[in-house]
């Protein structure tokens, strides 16, 4: 019997820390390069959340 479902990979701690170290401008450029829609996010935390959500759906 096979189980089919969603598999969530643990967050890569290195990439999580990398985003925290970036400035808002760097985060926006990072998102633009990867075609990530920031959905009107303006604050650093909001931008990081958008990027992380997009990365989760890509994996």
N, C-alpha and C. Protein backbone atom coordinates (compact mmCIF):
# COMPACT_ATOMS: atom_id res chain seq x y z
N UNK A 1 0.84 -1.17 0.00
CA UNK A 1 0.00 0.00 0.00
C UNK A 1 0.89 1.23 0.00
N UNK A 2 0.46 2.24 -0.77
CA UNK A 2 1.20 3.49 -0.86
C UNK A 2 0.42 4.63 -0.22
N UNK A 3 1.12 5.48 0.47
CA UNK A 3 0.50 6.67 1.05
C UNK A 3 0.85 7.86 0.18
N UNK A 4 -0.16 8.61 -0.20
CA UNK A 4 0.05 9.78 -1.04
C UNK A 4 -0.40 11.01 -0.25
N UNK A 5 0.42 12.02 -0.27
CA UNK A 5 0.08 13.24 0.45
C UNK A 5 1.13 14.30 0.27
N UNK A 6 0.95 15.38 0.96
CA UNK A 6 1.91 16.47 0.90
C UNK A 6 3.11 16.15 1.76
N UNK A 7 4.26 16.53 1.26
CA UNK A 7 5.49 16.35 2.02
C UNK A 7 6.09 17.73 2.24
N UNK A 8 6.28 18.08 3.48
CA UNK A 8 6.87 19.36 3.82
C UNK A 8 8.31 19.15 4.26
N UNK A 9 9.19 19.82 3.55
CA UNK A 9 10.60 19.73 3.91
C UNK A 9 10.87 20.74 5.02
N UNK A 10 11.76 20.40 5.94
CA UNK A 10 12.10 21.37 6.98
C UNK A 10 12.76 22.58 6.35
N UNK A 11 12.55 23.72 6.95
CA UNK A 11 13.17 24.95 6.44
C UNK A 11 14.68 24.81 6.51
N UNK A 12 15.30 25.31 5.49
CA UNK A 12 16.75 25.36 5.46
C UNK A 12 17.20 26.52 6.34
N UNK A 13 17.81 26.21 7.44
CA UNK A 13 18.21 27.25 8.40
C UNK A 13 19.17 28.25 7.78
N UNK A 14 20.02 27.79 6.87
CA UNK A 14 20.98 28.70 6.24
C UNK A 14 20.25 29.75 5.41
N UNK A 15 19.24 29.36 4.64
CA UNK A 15 18.53 30.33 3.82
C UNK A 15 17.67 31.24 4.69
N UNK A 16 17.13 30.71 5.79
CA UNK A 16 16.34 31.52 6.70
C UNK A 16 17.18 32.64 7.29
N UNK A 17 18.39 32.31 7.71
CA UNK A 17 19.29 33.33 8.29
C UNK A 17 19.76 34.29 7.21
N UNK A 18 19.94 33.80 6.00
CA UNK A 18 20.38 34.65 4.91
C UNK A 18 19.34 35.74 4.64
N UNK A 19 18.07 35.40 4.65
CA UNK A 19 17.02 36.39 4.41
C UNK A 19 16.99 37.42 5.54
N UNK A 20 17.18 36.97 6.76
CA UNK A 20 17.17 37.89 7.90
C UNK A 20 18.28 38.93 7.82
N UNK A 21 19.38 38.58 7.18
CA UNK A 21 20.52 39.49 7.09
C UNK A 21 20.37 40.51 5.96
N UNK A 22 19.43 40.27 5.03
CA UNK A 22 19.26 41.16 3.88
C UNK A 22 18.48 42.42 4.26
N UNK A 23 18.74 43.48 3.53
CA UNK A 23 17.97 44.71 3.70
C UNK A 23 16.66 44.57 2.93
N UNK A 24 15.72 45.49 3.14
CA UNK A 24 14.45 45.46 2.42
C UNK A 24 14.70 45.55 0.91
N UNK A 25 15.60 46.41 0.50
CA UNK A 25 15.92 46.56 -0.92
C UNK A 25 16.49 45.25 -1.49
N UNK A 26 17.36 44.61 -0.74
CA UNK A 26 17.93 43.33 -1.19
C UNK A 26 16.85 42.24 -1.28
N UNK A 27 15.95 42.23 -0.30
CA UNK A 27 14.87 41.25 -0.32
C UNK A 27 13.95 41.46 -1.52
N UNK A 28 13.64 42.72 -1.83
CA UNK A 28 12.80 43.01 -2.98
C UNK A 28 13.48 42.60 -4.28
N UNK A 29 14.77 42.84 -4.38
CA UNK A 29 15.52 42.43 -5.57
C UNK A 29 15.56 40.90 -5.67
N UNK A 30 15.77 40.23 -4.56
CA UNK A 30 15.79 38.77 -4.49
C UNK A 30 14.45 38.21 -4.99
N UNK A 31 13.35 38.79 -4.53
CA UNK A 31 12.02 38.35 -4.94
C UNK A 31 11.80 38.62 -6.43
N UNK A 32 12.22 39.77 -6.91
CA UNK A 32 12.05 40.12 -8.31
C UNK A 32 12.81 39.15 -9.21
N UNK A 33 14.04 38.81 -8.84
CA UNK A 33 14.86 37.87 -9.61
C UNK A 33 14.20 36.49 -9.72
N UNK A 34 13.42 36.14 -8.71
CA UNK A 34 12.80 34.82 -8.66
C UNK A 34 11.30 34.85 -8.99
N UNK A 35 10.85 35.99 -9.51
CA UNK A 35 9.44 36.17 -9.88
C UNK A 35 8.48 35.87 -8.73
N UNK A 36 8.83 36.33 -7.55
CA UNK A 36 7.99 36.14 -6.36
C UNK A 36 7.17 37.40 -6.16
N UNK A 37 5.84 37.23 -6.14
CA UNK A 37 4.93 38.35 -5.92
C UNK A 37 4.91 38.67 -4.43
N UNK A 38 5.22 39.89 -4.07
CA UNK A 38 5.26 40.27 -2.67
C UNK A 38 3.90 40.70 -2.13
N UNK A 39 2.87 40.69 -2.96
CA UNK A 39 1.50 40.94 -2.53
C UNK A 39 1.34 42.19 -1.67
N UNK A 40 2.05 43.25 -2.02
CA UNK A 40 1.93 44.51 -1.29
C UNK A 40 2.69 44.54 0.03
N UNK A 41 3.52 43.55 0.29
CA UNK A 41 4.30 43.51 1.53
C UNK A 41 5.27 44.69 1.54
N UNK A 42 5.34 45.39 2.66
CA UNK A 42 6.22 46.54 2.76
C UNK A 42 7.27 46.35 3.85
N UNK A 43 6.89 45.71 4.93
CA UNK A 43 7.82 45.50 6.04
C UNK A 43 8.70 44.29 5.77
N UNK A 44 9.89 44.33 6.32
CA UNK A 44 10.87 43.27 6.12
C UNK A 44 10.29 41.89 6.47
N UNK A 45 9.60 41.80 7.59
CA UNK A 45 9.04 40.53 8.03
C UNK A 45 8.00 40.02 7.04
N UNK A 46 7.19 40.93 6.50
CA UNK A 46 6.16 40.55 5.52
C UNK A 46 6.79 40.06 4.22
N UNK A 47 7.85 40.72 3.80
CA UNK A 47 8.55 40.32 2.58
C UNK A 47 9.16 38.94 2.75
N UNK A 48 9.79 38.70 3.89
CA UNK A 48 10.39 37.40 4.17
C UNK A 48 9.32 36.31 4.17
N UNK A 49 8.15 36.60 4.76
CA UNK A 49 7.06 35.63 4.77
C UNK A 49 6.61 35.27 3.36
N UNK A 50 6.51 36.27 2.48
CA UNK A 50 6.12 36.03 1.09
C UNK A 50 7.15 35.16 0.38
N UNK A 51 8.43 35.47 0.59
CA UNK A 51 9.50 34.70 -0.06
C UNK A 51 9.49 33.27 0.43
N UNK A 52 9.38 33.08 1.75
CA UNK A 52 9.38 31.73 2.31
C UNK A 52 8.16 30.93 1.83
N UNK A 53 7.01 31.58 1.73
CA UNK A 53 5.81 30.90 1.25
C UNK A 53 5.99 30.47 -0.20
N UNK A 54 6.59 31.33 -1.01
CA UNK A 54 6.82 30.99 -2.41
C UNK A 54 7.82 29.84 -2.54
N UNK A 55 8.83 29.83 -1.69
CA UNK A 55 9.83 28.76 -1.72
C UNK A 55 9.22 27.43 -1.30
N UNK A 56 8.28 27.46 -0.37
CA UNK A 56 7.62 26.22 0.08
C UNK A 56 6.79 25.62 -1.05
N UNK A 57 6.15 26.45 -1.87
CA UNK A 57 5.32 25.93 -2.95
C UNK A 57 6.16 25.44 -4.11
N UNK A 58 7.39 25.96 -4.25
CA UNK A 58 8.28 25.54 -5.33
C UNK A 58 8.93 24.19 -5.08
N UNK A 59 9.00 23.78 -3.84
CA UNK A 59 9.72 22.55 -3.50
C UNK A 59 8.88 21.34 -3.68
